[in-house]
Amino acid sequence: MSDIIVTTMNDLPGYQVAEVFGEVFGLTVRSRNIGSDIGASLKGLVGGEVKGYTKMLSDSRLEAVDRLRDAARNAGANAVIAMRFDCNEVSGNMTEVAAYGTAVTVRRN
């Protein structure tokens, strides 16, 4: 396999887990910009999606998964099973997004 398979399932249909390397993480911390904060304040008054925040969190998740794949590759794995996300506010305008799971080597059945 050329890339790291990432799944939220505890197993991978059609594959057998051959080796378990343990937990791996991909982290990113992003800060909001003043424009997003102003837009969010206005949306808070009238309601609706805050597109600046949505894009920031979407980009953060993609970056966290890329870093998760790198961590799995560095551990010698070719897949990550049971992947999950966690999101926390680090300070007033910074958000941490973590992708985590179990790094494994899988082989086709």
PDB file of N, CA and C in Angstrom:
ATOM      1  N   MET A   1       0.836  -1.187   0.000  1.00  0.00           N
ATOM      2  CA  MET A   1       0.000   0.000   0.000  1.00  0.00           C
ATOM      3  C   MET A   1       0.874   1.240   0.000  1.00  0.00           C
ATOM      4  N   SER A   2       0.525   2.198  -0.797  1.00  0.00           N
ATOM      5  CA  SER A   2       1.350   3.391  -0.912  1.00  0.00           C
ATOM      6  C   SER A   2       1.019   4.436   0.135  1.00  0.00           C
ATOM      7  N   ASP A   3      -0.220   4.448   0.627  1.00  0.00           N
ATOM      8  CA  ASP A   3      -0.595   5.444   1.613  1.00  0.00           C
ATOM      9  C   ASP A   3      -1.147   4.764   2.850  1.00  0.00           C
ATOM     10  N   ILE A   4      -1.293   5.540   3.891  1.00  0.00           N
ATOM     11  CA  ILE A   4      -1.811   5.026   5.153  1.00  0.00           C
ATOM     12  C   ILE A   4      -3.337   5.024   5.088  1.00  0.00           C
ATOM     13  N   ILE A   5      -3.940   3.871   5.321  1.00  0.00           N
ATOM     14  CA  ILE A   5      -5.396   3.759   5.400  1.00  0.00           C
ATOM     15  C   ILE A   5      -5.820   4.274   6.766  1.00  0.00           C
ATOM     16  N   VAL A   6      -6.834   5.113   6.801  1.00  0.00           N
ATOM     17  CA  VAL A   6      -7.378   5.620   8.062  1.00  0.00           C
ATOM     18  C   VAL A   6      -8.857   5.291   8.099  1.00  0.00           C
ATOM     19  N   THR A   7      -9.287   4.649   9.191  1.00  0.00           N
ATOM     20  CA  THR A   7     -10.694   4.304   9.343  1.00  0.00           C
ATOM     21  C   THR A   7     -11.147   4.581  10.772  1.00  0.00           C
ATOM     22  N   THR A   8     -12.422   4.938  10.904  1.00  0.00           N
ATOM     23  CA  THR A   8     -12.998   5.124  12.232  1.00  0.00           C
ATOM     24  C   THR A   8     -13.502   3.802  12.815  1.00  0.00           C
ATOM     25  N   MET A   9     -13.505   2.751  11.995  1.00  0.00           N
ATOM     26  CA  MET A   9     -13.956   1.438  12.460  1.00  0.00           C
ATOM     27  C   MET A   9     -12.853   0.772  13.289  1.00  0.00           C
ATOM     28  N   ASN A  10     -13.246  -0.218  14.082  1.00  0.00           N
ATOM     29  CA  ASN A  10     -12.272  -0.949  14.899  1.00  0.00           C
ATOM     30  C   ASN A  10     -11.586  -2.066  14.131  1.00  0.00           C
ATOM     31  N   ASP A  11     -12.077  -2.348  12.950  1.00  0.00           N
ATOM     32  CA  ASP A  11     -11.452  -3.323  12.071  1.00  0.00           C
ATOM     33  C   ASP A  11     -11.534  -2.785  10.652  1.00  0.00           C
ATOM     34  N   LEU A  12     -10.964  -3.502   9.730  1.00  0.00           N
ATOM     35  CA  LEU A  12     -10.940  -3.054   8.341  1.00  0.00           C
ATOM     36  C   LEU A  12     -11.377  -4.229   7.473  1.00  0.00           C
ATOM     37  N   PRO A  13     -12.619  -4.214   6.984  1.00  0.00           N
ATOM     38  CA  PRO A  13     -13.116  -5.344   6.203  1.00  0.00           C
ATOM     39  C   PRO A  13     -12.184  -5.674   5.030  1.00  0.00           C
ATOM     40  N   GLY A  14     -11.915  -6.976   4.875  1.00  0.00           N
ATOM     41  CA  GLY A  14     -11.033  -7.431   3.804  1.00  0.00           C
ATOM     42  C   GLY A  14      -9.569  -7.446   4.205  1.00  0.00           C
ATOM     43  N   TYR A  15      -9.271  -7.009   5.431  1.00  0.00           N
ATOM     44  CA  TYR A  15      -7.890  -6.969   5.920  1.00  0.00           C
ATOM     45  C   TYR A  15      -7.801  -7.647   7.276  1.00  0.00           C
ATOM     46  N   GLN A  16      -6.622  -8.103   7.582  1.00  0.00           N
ATOM     47  CA  GLN A  16      -6.339  -8.677   8.895  1.00  0.00           C
ATOM     48  C   GLN A  16      -5.242  -7.850   9.542  1.00  0.00           C
ATOM     49  N   VAL A  17      -5.422  -7.517  10.822  1.00  0.00           N
ATOM     50  CA  VAL A  17      -4.386  -6.776  11.549  1.00  0.00           C
ATOM     51  C   VAL A  17      -3.253  -7.750  11.858  1.00  0.00           C
ATOM     52  N   ALA A  18      -2.065  -7.436  11.351  1.00  0.00           N
ATOM     53  CA  ALA A  18      -0.901  -8.304  11.535  1.00  0.00           C
ATOM     54  C   ALA A  18      -0.013  -7.837  12.682  1.00  0.00           C
ATOM     55  N   GLU A  19      -0.004  -6.527  12.930  1.00  0.00           N
ATOM     56  CA  GLU A  19       0.865  -5.981  13.978  1.00  0.00           C
ATOM     57  C   GLU A  19       0.253  -4.687  14.496  1.00  0.00           C
ATOM     58  N   VAL A  20       0.359  -4.482  15.806  1.00  0.00           N
ATOM     59  CA  VAL A  20      -0.153  -3.272  16.440  1.00  0.00           C
ATOM     60  C   VAL A  20       1.031  -2.471  16.974  1.00  0.00           C
ATOM     61  N   PHE A  21       1.080  -1.197  16.601  1.00  0.00           N
ATOM     62  CA  PHE A  21       2.170  -0.321  17.039  1.00  0.00           C
ATOM     63  C   PHE A  21       1.750   0.592  18.186  1.00  0.00           C
ATOM     64  N   GLY A  22       0.471   0.771  18.401  1.00  0.00           N
ATOM     65  CA  GLY A  22      -0.014   1.604  19.499  1.00  0.00           C
ATOM     66  C   GLY A  22      -0.623   2.912  19.013  1.00  0.00           C
ATOM     67  N   GLU A  23      -0.864   3.788  19.976  1.00  0.00           N
ATOM     68  CA  GLU A  23      -1.529   5.057  19.689  1.00  0.00           C
ATOM     69  C   GLU A  23      -0.649   5.993  18.876  1.00  0.00           C
ATOM     70  N   VAL A  24      -1.291   6.710  17.961  1.00  0.00           N
ATOM     71  CA  VAL A  24      -0.627   7.775  17.214  1.00  0.00           C
ATOM     72  C   VAL A  24      -1.546   8.994  17.208  1.00  0.00           C
ATOM     73  N   PHE A  25      -0.929  10.162  17.085  1.00  0.00           N
ATOM     74  CA  PHE A  25      -1.666  11.423  17.148  1.00  0.00           C
ATOM     75  C   PHE A  25      -1.250  12.329  16.011  1.00  0.00           C
ATOM     76  N   GLY A  26      -2.154  13.168  15.598  1.00  0.00           N
ATOM     77  CA  GLY A  26      -1.869  14.276  14.698  1.00  0.00           C
ATOM     78  C   GLY A  26      -2.516  15.507  15.298  1.00  0.00           C
ATOM     79  N   LEU A  27      -1.716  16.517  15.593  1.00  0.00           N
ATOM     80  CA  LEU A  27      -2.219  17.711  16.268  1.00  0.00           C
ATOM     81  C   LEU A  27      -1.997  18.956  15.435  1.00  0.00           C
ATOM     82  N   THR A  28      -2.902  19.898  15.569  1.00  0.00           N
ATOM     83  CA  THR A  28      -2.704  21.233  15.015  1.00  0.00           C
ATOM     84  C   THR A  28      -3.424  22.225  15.916  1.00  0.00           C
ATOM     85  N   VAL A  29      -2.860  23.404  16.018  1.00  0.00           N
ATOM     86  CA  VAL A  29      -3.476  24.488  16.779  1.00  0.00           C
ATOM     87  C   VAL A  29      -3.595  25.678  15.845  1.00  0.00           C
ATOM     88  N   ARG A  30      -4.777  26.206  15.731  1.00  0.00           N
ATOM     89  CA  ARG A  30      -5.027  27.344  14.844  1.00  0.00           C
ATOM     90  C   ARG A  30      -5.600  28.496  15.648  1.00  0.00           C
ATOM     91  N   SER A  31      -5.246  29.712  15.231  1.00  0.00           N
ATOM     92  CA  SER A  31      -5.854  30.888  15.848  1.00  0.00           C
ATOM     93  C   SER A  31      -6.815  31.521  14.858  1.00  0.00           C
ATOM     94  N   ARG A  32      -7.874  32.067  15.383  1.00  0.00           N
ATOM     95  CA  ARG A  32      -8.852  32.757  14.549  1.00  0.00           C
ATOM     96  C   ARG A  32      -8.333  34.152  14.245  1.00  0.00           C
ATOM     97  N   ASN A  33      -8.748  34.677  13.101  1.00  0.00           N
ATOM     98  CA  ASN A  33      -8.352  36.043  12.778  1.00  0.00           C
ATOM     99  C   ASN A  33      -9.452  37.011  13.177  1.00  0.00           C
ATOM    100  N   ILE A  34      -9.114  38.266  13.209  1.00  0.00           N
ATOM    101  CA  ILE A  34     -10.063  39.299  13.658  1.00  0.00           C
ATOM    102  C   ILE A  34     -11.313  39.334  12.777  1.00  0.00           C
ATOM    103  N   GLY A  35     -11.149  39.100  11.469  1.00  0.00           N
ATOM    104  CA  GLY A  35     -12.302  39.094  10.565  1.00  0.00           C
ATOM    105  C   GLY A  35     -13.287  37.997  10.915  1.00  0.00           C
ATOM    106  N   SER A  36     -12.774  36.807  11.235  1.00  0.00           N
ATOM    107  CA  SER A  36     -13.649  35.699  11.626  1.00  0.00           C
ATOM    108  C   SER A  36     -14.367  36.007  12.928  1.00  0.00           C
ATOM    109  N   ASP A  37     -13.647  36.644  13.875  1.00  0.00           N
ATOM    110  CA  ASP A  37     -14.270  36.985  15.156  1.00  0.00           C
ATOM    111  C   ASP A  37     -15.395  38.001  14.977  1.00  0.00           C
ATOM    112  N   ILE A  38     -15.184  38.987  14.107  1.00  0.00           N
ATOM    113  CA  ILE A  38     -16.231  39.986  13.849  1.00  0.00           C
ATOM    114  C   ILE A  38     -17.422  39.321  13.170  1.00  0.00           C
ATOM    115  N   GLY A  39     -17.144  38.481  12.159  1.00  0.00           N
ATOM    116  CA  GLY A  39     -18.213  37.755  11.475  1.00  0.00           C
ATOM    117  C   GLY A  39     -18.989  36.860  12.427  1.00  0.00           C
ATOM    118  N   ALA A  40     -18.291  36.211  13.345  1.00  0.00           N
ATOM    119  CA  ALA A  40     -18.943  35.332  14.313  1.00  0.00           C
ATOM    120  C   ALA A  40     -19.835  36.136  15.253  1.00  0.00           C
ATOM    121  N   SER A  41     -19.367  37.308  15.651  1.00  0.00           N
ATOM    122  CA  SER A  41     -20.178  38.158  16.529  1.00  0.00           C
ATOM    123  C   SER A  41     -21.466  38.575  15.841  1.00  0.00           C
ATOM    124  N   LEU A  42     -21.369  38.950  14.572  1.00  0.00           N
ATOM    125  CA  LEU A  42     -22.564  39.347  13.826  1.00  0.00           C
ATOM    126  C   LEU A  42     -23.503  38.167  13.627  1.00  0.00           C
ATOM    127  N   LYS A  43     -22.961  36.996  13.314  1.00  0.00           N
ATOM    128  CA  LYS A  43     -23.799  35.799  13.137  1.00  0.00           C
ATOM    129  C   LYS A  43     -24.468  35.424  14.452  1.00  0.00           C
ATOM    130  N   GLY A  44     -23.781  35.713  15.559  1.00  0.00           N
ATOM    131  CA  GLY A  44     -24.368  35.430  16.859  1.00  0.00           C
ATOM    132  C   GLY A  44     -25.640  36.229  17.099  1.00  0.00           C
ATOM    133  N   LEU A  45     -25.730  37.397  16.480  1.00  0.00           N
ATOM    134  CA  LEU A  45     -26.917  38.231  16.625  1.00  0.00           C
ATOM    135  C   LEU A  45     -28.067  37.750  15.750  1.00  0.00           C
ATOM    136  N   VAL A  46     -27.757  37.322  14.527  1.00  0.00           N
ATOM    137  CA  VAL A  46     -28.815  36.953  13.581  1.00  0.00           C
ATOM    138  C   VAL A  46     -28.932  35.458  13.339  1.00  0.00           C
ATOM    139  N   GLY A  47     -27.939  34.693  13.758  1.00  0.00           N
ATOM    140  CA  GLY A  47     -27.968  33.251  13.557  1.00  0.00           C
ATOM    141  C   GLY A  47     -27.409  32.861  12.207  1.00  0.00           C
ATOM    142  N   GLY A  48     -27.073  31.605  12.050  1.00  0.00           N
ATOM    143  CA  GLY A  48     -26.551  31.091  10.791  1.00  0.00           C
ATOM    144  C   GLY A  48     -25.139  30.565  10.940  1.00  0.00           C
ATOM    145  N   GLU A  49     -24.665  29.976   9.862  1.00  0.00           N
ATOM    146  CA  GLU A  49     -23.332  29.372   9.857  1.00  0.00           C
ATOM    147  C   GLU A  49     -22.250  30.447   9.834  1.00  0.00           C
ATOM    148  N   VAL A  50     -21.205  30.212  10.595  1.00  0.00           N
ATOM    149  CA  VAL A  50     -20.034  31.090  10.597  1.00  0.00           C
ATOM    150  C   VAL A  50     -19.011  30.425   9.690  1.00  0.00           C
ATOM    151  N   LYS A  51     -19.029  30.789   8.412  1.00  0.00           N
ATOM    152  CA  LYS A  51     -18.252  30.083   7.399  1.00  0.00           C
ATOM    153  C   LYS A  51     -16.748  30.165   7.641  1.00  0.00           C
ATOM    154  N   GLY A  52     -16.265  31.260   8.187  1.00  0.00           N
ATOM    155  CA  GLY A  52     -14.839  31.378   8.484  1.00  0.00           C
ATOM    156  C   GLY A  52     -14.386  30.324   9.485  1.00  0.00           C
ATOM    157  N   TYR A  53     -15.189  30.098  10.523  1.00  0.00           N
ATOM    158  CA  TYR A  53     -14.857  29.079  11.525  1.00  0.00           C
ATOM    159  C   TYR A  53     -15.003  27.677  10.951  1.00  0.00           C
ATOM    160  N   THR A  54     -16.047  27.476  10.135  1.00  0.00           N
ATOM    161  CA  THR A  54     -16.255  26.168   9.518  1.00  0.00           C
ATOM    162  C   THR A  54     -15.050  25.790   8.662  1.00  0.00           C
ATOM    163  N   LYS A  55     -14.574  26.727   7.857  1.00  0.00           N
ATOM    164  CA  LYS A  55     -13.412  26.462   7.009  1.00  0.00           C
ATOM    165  C   LYS A  55     -12.170  26.200   7.852  1.00  0.00           C
ATOM    166  N   MET A  56     -11.976  26.996   8.906  1.00  0.00           N
ATOM    167  CA  MET A  56     -10.810  26.814   9.766  1.00  0.00           C
ATOM    168  C   MET A  56     -10.811  25.418  10.397  1.00  0.00           C
ATOM    169  N   LEU A  57     -11.962  24.979  10.906  1.00  0.00           N
ATOM    170  CA  LEU A  57     -12.029  23.667  11.541  1.00  0.00           C
ATOM    171  C   LEU A  57     -11.888  22.543  10.522  1.00  0.00           C
ATOM    172  N   SER A  58     -12.460  22.720   9.352  1.00  0.00           N
ATOM    173  CA  SER A  58     -12.311  21.714   8.297  1.00  0.00           C
ATOM    174  C   SER A  58     -10.844  21.579   7.887  1.00  0.00           C
ATOM    175  N   ASP A  59     -10.182  22.710   7.663  1.00  0.00           N
ATOM    176  CA  ASP A  59      -8.755  22.690   7.315  1.00  0.00           C
ATOM    177  C   ASP A  59      -7.923  22.072   8.440  1.00  0.00           C
ATOM    178  N   SER A  60      -8.287  22.378   9.679  1.00  0.00           N
ATOM    179  CA  SER A  60      -7.559  21.839  10.835  1.00  0.00           C
ATOM    180  C   SER A  60      -7.690  20.320  10.908  1.00  0.00           C
ATOM    181  N   ARG A  61      -8.881  19.808  10.635  1.00  0.00           N
ATOM    182  CA  ARG A  61      -9.079  18.353  10.656  1.00  0.00           C
ATOM    183  C   ARG A  61      -8.252  17.672   9.571  1.00  0.00           C
ATOM    184  N   LEU A  62      -8.234  18.258   8.373  1.00  0.00           N
ATOM    185  CA  LEU A  62      -7.427  17.675   7.290  1.00  0.00           C
ATOM    186  C   LEU A  62      -5.947  17.669   7.659  1.00  0.00           C
ATOM    187  N   GLU A  63      -5.479  18.755   8.229  1.00  0.00           N
ATOM    188  CA  GLU A  63      -4.069  18.826   8.639  1.00  0.00           C
ATOM    189  C   GLU A  63      -3.770  17.826   9.750  1.00  0.00           C
ATOM    190  N   ALA A  64      -4.676  17.691  10.715  1.00  0.00           N
ATOM    191  CA  ALA A  64      -4.475  16.741  11.811  1.00  0.00           C
ATOM    192  C   ALA A  64      -4.411  15.304  11.280  1.00  0.00           C
ATOM    193  N   VAL A  65      -5.262  14.957  10.311  1.00  0.00           N
ATOM    194  CA  VAL A  65      -5.238  13.605   9.739  1.00  0.00           C
ATOM    195  C   VAL A  65      -3.953  13.390   8.942  1.00  0.00           C
ATOM    196  N   ASP A  66      -3.487  14.393   8.218  1.00  0.00           N
ATOM    197  CA  ASP A  66      -2.205  14.272   7.509  1.00  0.00           C
ATOM    198  C   ASP A  66      -1.076  13.999   8.491  1.00  0.00           C
ATOM    199  N   ARG A  67      -1.082  14.691   9.610  1.00  0.00           N
ATOM    200  CA  ARG A  67      -0.042  14.483  10.630  1.00  0.00           C
ATOM    201  C   ARG A  67      -0.192  13.125  11.302  1.00  0.00           C
ATOM    202  N   LEU A  68      -1.438  12.666  11.460  1.00  0.00           N
ATOM    203  CA  LEU A  68      -1.688  11.322  11.985  1.00  0.00           C
ATOM    204  C   LEU A  68      -1.090  10.274  11.050  1.00  0.00           C
ATOM    205  N   ARG A  69      -1.312  10.436   9.751  1.00  0.00           N
ATOM    206  CA  ARG A  69      -0.728   9.508   8.765  1.00  0.00           C
ATOM    207  C   ARG A  69       0.799   9.507   8.858  1.00  0.00           C
ATOM    208  N   ASP A  70       1.396  10.693   8.987  1.00  0.00           N
ATOM    209  CA  ASP A  70       2.855  10.779   9.121  1.00  0.00           C
ATOM    210  C   ASP A  70       3.340  10.031  10.365  1.00  0.00           C
ATOM    211  N   ALA A  71       2.632  10.196  11.475  1.00  0.00           N
ATOM    212  CA  ALA A  71       3.013   9.511  12.721  1.00  0.00           C
ATOM    213  C   ALA A  71       2.904   7.995  12.563  1.00  0.00           C
ATOM    214  N   ALA A  72       1.853   7.537  11.889  1.00  0.00           N
ATOM    215  CA  ALA A  72       1.684   6.093  11.664  1.00  0.00           C
ATOM    216  C   ALA A  72       2.794   5.561  10.764  1.00  0.00           C
ATOM    217  N   ARG A  73       3.091   6.297   9.703  1.00  0.00           N
ATOM    218  CA  ARG A  73       4.163   5.899   8.779  1.00  0.00           C
ATOM    219  C   ARG A  73       5.494   5.817   9.525  1.00  0.00           C
ATOM    220  N   ASN A  74       5.774   6.797  10.375  1.00  0.00           N
ATOM    221  CA  ASN A  74       7.023   6.810  11.154  1.00  0.00           C
ATOM    222  C   ASN A  74       7.090   5.658  12.145  1.00  0.00           C
ATOM    223  N   ALA A  75       5.930   5.172  12.581  1.00  0.00           N
ATOM    224  CA  ALA A  75       5.897   4.031  13.508  1.00  0.00           C
ATOM    225  C   ALA A  75       6.073   2.708  12.778  1.00  0.00           C
ATOM    226  N   GLY A  76       5.984   2.733  11.440  1.00  0.00           N
ATOM    227  CA  GLY A  76       6.114   1.510  10.656  1.00  0.00           C
ATOM    228  C   GLY A  76       4.787   0.904  10.263  1.00  0.00           C
ATOM    229  N   ALA A  77       3.691   1.617  10.491  1.00  0.00           N
ATOM    230  CA  ALA A  77       2.352   1.110  10.206  1.00  0.00           C
ATOM    231  C   ALA A  77       1.935   1.433   8.769  1.00  0.00           C
ATOM    232  N   ASN A  78       0.897   0.749   8.319  1.00  0.00           N
ATOM    233  CA  ASN A  78       0.313   1.085   7.021  1.00  0.00           C
ATOM    234  C   ASN A  78      -1.170   1.428   7.135  1.00  0.00           C
ATOM    235  N   ALA A  79      -1.666   1.501   8.402  1.00  0.00           N
ATOM    236  CA  ALA A  79      -3.067   1.857   8.627  1.00  0.00           C
ATOM    237  C   ALA A  79      -3.248   2.403  10.041  1.00  0.00           C
ATOM    238  N   VAL A  80      -4.342   3.135  10.206  1.00  0.00           N
ATOM    239  CA  VAL A  80      -4.775   3.599  11.533  1.00  0.00           C
ATOM    240  C   VAL A  80      -6.227   3.199  11.676  1.00  0.00           C
ATOM    241  N   ILE A  81      -6.527   2.454  12.738  1.00  0.00           N
ATOM    242  CA  ILE A  81      -7.905   2.054  13.004  1.00  0.00           C
ATOM    243  C   ILE A  81      -8.425   2.809  14.225  1.00  0.00           C
ATOM    244  N   ALA A  82      -9.742   2.855  14.351  1.00  0.00           N
ATOM    245  CA  ALA A  82     -10.426   3.517  15.470  1.00  0.00           C
ATOM    246  C   ALA A  82     -10.039   4.994  15.575  1.00  0.00           C
ATOM    247  N   MET A  83      -9.898   5.670  14.431  1.00  0.00           N
ATOM    248  CA  MET A  83      -9.522   7.079  14.430  1.00  0.00           C
ATOM    249  C   MET A  83     -10.664   7.921  14.971  1.00  0.00           C
ATOM    250  N   ARG A  84     -10.301   8.906  15.779  1.00  0.00           N
ATOM    251  CA  ARG A  84     -11.254   9.851  16.362  1.00  0.00           C
ATOM    252  C   ARG A  84     -10.665  11.254  16.301  1.00  0.00           C
ATOM    253  N   PHE A  85     -11.536  12.240  16.477  1.00  0.00           N
ATOM    254  CA  PHE A  85     -11.122  13.633  16.588  1.00  0.00           C
ATOM    255  C   PHE A  85     -11.438  14.145  17.971  1.00  0.00           C
ATOM    256  N   ASP A  86     -10.637  15.094  18.416  1.00  0.00           N
ATOM    257  CA  ASP A  86     -10.915  15.833  19.637  1.00  0.00           C
ATOM    258  C   ASP A  86     -10.617  17.288  19.325  1.00  0.00           C
ATOM    259  N   CYS A  87     -11.402  18.177  19.872  1.00  0.00           N
ATOM    260  CA  CYS A  87     -11.238  19.604  19.606  1.00  0.00           C
ATOM    261  C   CYS A  87     -11.373  20.348  20.921  1.00  0.00           C
ATOM    262  N   ASN A  88     -10.420  21.218  21.209  1.00  0.00           N
ATOM    263  CA  ASN A  88     -10.432  21.991  22.452  1.00  0.00           C
ATOM    264  C   ASN A  88      -9.997  23.412  22.199  1.00  0.00           C
ATOM    265  N   GLU A  89     -10.492  24.308  23.007  1.00  0.00           N
ATOM    266  CA  GLU A  89     -10.015  25.678  22.966  1.00  0.00           C
ATOM    267  C   GLU A  89      -8.763  25.760  23.817  1.00  0.00           C
ATOM    268  N   VAL A  90      -7.678  26.278  23.236  1.00  0.00           N
ATOM    269  CA  VAL A  90      -6.410  26.383  23.955  1.00  0.00           C
ATOM    270  C   VAL A  90      -6.363  27.701  24.726  1.00  0.00           C
ATOM    271  N   SER A  91      -6.772  28.771  24.092  1.00  0.00           N
ATOM    272  CA  SER A  91      -6.906  30.067  24.754  1.00  0.00           C
ATOM    273  C   SER A  91      -8.063  30.783  24.080  1.00  0.00           C
ATOM    274  N   GLY A  92      -8.233  32.041  24.359  1.00  0.00           N
ATOM    275  CA  GLY A  92      -9.381  32.781  23.860  1.00  0.00           C
ATOM    276  C   GLY A  92      -9.610  32.695  22.368  1.00  0.00           C
ATOM    277  N   ASN A  93      -8.555  32.637  21.571  1.00  0.00           N
ATOM    278  CA  ASN A  93      -8.757  32.625  20.120  1.00  0.00           C
ATOM    279  C   ASN A  93      -8.016  31.491  19.413  1.00  0.00           C
ATOM    280  N   MET A  94      -7.602  30.456  20.145  1.00  0.00           N
ATOM    281  CA  MET A  94      -6.900  29.323  19.536  1.00  0.00           C
ATOM    282  C   MET A  94      -7.648  28.020  19.795  1.00  0.00           C
ATOM    283  N   THR A  95      -7.694  27.195  18.757  1.00  0.00           N
ATOM    284  CA  THR A  95      -8.373  25.913  18.845  1.00  0.00           C
ATOM    285  C   THR A  95      -7.398  24.798  18.475  1.00  0.00           C
ATOM    286  N   GLU A  96      -7.380  23.756  19.304  1.00  0.00           N
ATOM    287  CA  GLU A  96      -6.564  22.574  19.030  1.00  0.00           C
ATOM    288  C   GLU A  96      -7.466  21.506  18.433  1.00  0.00           C
ATOM    289  N   VAL A  97      -7.004  20.880  17.365  1.00  0.00           N
ATOM    290  CA  VAL A  97      -7.693  19.728  16.792  1.00  0.00           C
ATOM    291  C   VAL A  97      -6.710  18.565  16.821  1.00  0.00           C
ATOM    292  N   ALA A  98      -7.143  17.464  17.409  1.00  0.00           N
ATOM    293  CA  ALA A  98      -6.316  16.258  17.484  1.00  0.00           C
ATOM    294  C   ALA A  98      -7.033  15.123  16.768  1.00  0.00           C
ATOM    295  N   ALA A  99      -6.289  14.416  15.923  1.00  0.00           N
ATOM    296  CA  ALA A  99      -6.759  13.172  15.332  1.00  0.00           C
ATOM    297  C   ALA A  99      -5.936  12.074  15.993  1.00  0.00           C
ATOM    298  N   TYR A 100      -6.581  11.018  16.454  1.00  0.00           N
ATOM    299  CA  TYR A 100      -5.838   9.949  17.122  1.00  0.00           C
ATOM    300  C   TYR A 100      -6.455   8.600  16.807  1.00  0.00           C
ATOM    301  N   GLY A 101      -5.636   7.576  16.915  1.00  0.00           N
ATOM    302  CA  GLY A 101      -6.092   6.223  16.647  1.00  0.00           C
ATOM    303  C   GLY A 101      -4.991   5.230  16.936  1.00  0.00           C
ATOM    304  N   THR A 102      -5.179   4.005  16.491  1.00  0.00           N
ATOM    305  CA  THR A 102      -4.213   2.941  16.721  1.00  0.00           C
ATOM    306  C   THR A 102      -3.495   2.612  15.416  1.00  0.00           C
ATOM    307  N   ALA A 103      -2.173   2.745  15.435  1.00  0.00           N
ATOM    308  CA  ALA A 103      -1.358   2.436  14.263  1.00  0.00           C
ATOM    309  C   ALA A 103      -1.176   0.922  14.175  1.00  0.00           C
ATOM    310  N   VAL A 104      -1.423   0.377  12.990  1.00  0.00           N
ATOM    311  CA  VAL A 104      -1.332  -1.065  12.780  1.00  0.00           C
ATOM    312  C   VAL A 104      -0.752  -1.356  11.399  1.00  0.00           C
ATOM    313  N   THR A 105      -0.305  -2.584  11.238  1.00  0.00           N
ATOM    314  CA  THR A 105      -0.015  -3.096   9.906  1.00  0.00           C
ATOM    315  C   THR A 105      -1.144  -4.046   9.542  1.00  0.00           C
ATOM    316  N   VAL A 106      -1.740  -3.834   8.370  1.00  0.00           N
ATOM    317  CA  VAL A 106      -2.809  -4.708   7.894  1.00  0.00           C
ATOM    318  C   VAL A 106      -2.370  -5.413   6.631  1.00  0.00           C
ATOM    319  N   ARG A 107      -2.949  -6.609   6.436  1.00  0.00           N
ATOM    320  CA  ARG A 107      -2.713  -7.382   5.211  1.00  0.00           C
ATOM    321  C   ARG A 107      -4.063  -7.823   4.684  1.00  0.00           C
ATOM    322  N   ARG A 108      -4.168  -7.849   3.350  1.00  0.00           N
ATOM    323  CA  ARG A 108      -5.417  -8.322   2.729  1.00  0.00           C
ATOM    324  C   ARG A 108      -5.657  -9.775   3.086  1.00  0.00           C
ATOM    325  N   ASN A 109      -6.921 -10.111   3.327  1.00  0.00           N
ATOM    326  CA  ASN A 109      -7.292 -11.511   3.610  1.00  0.00           C
ATOM    327  C   ASN A 109      -7.114 -12.360   2.375  1.00  0.00           C
TER     328      ASN A 109
END
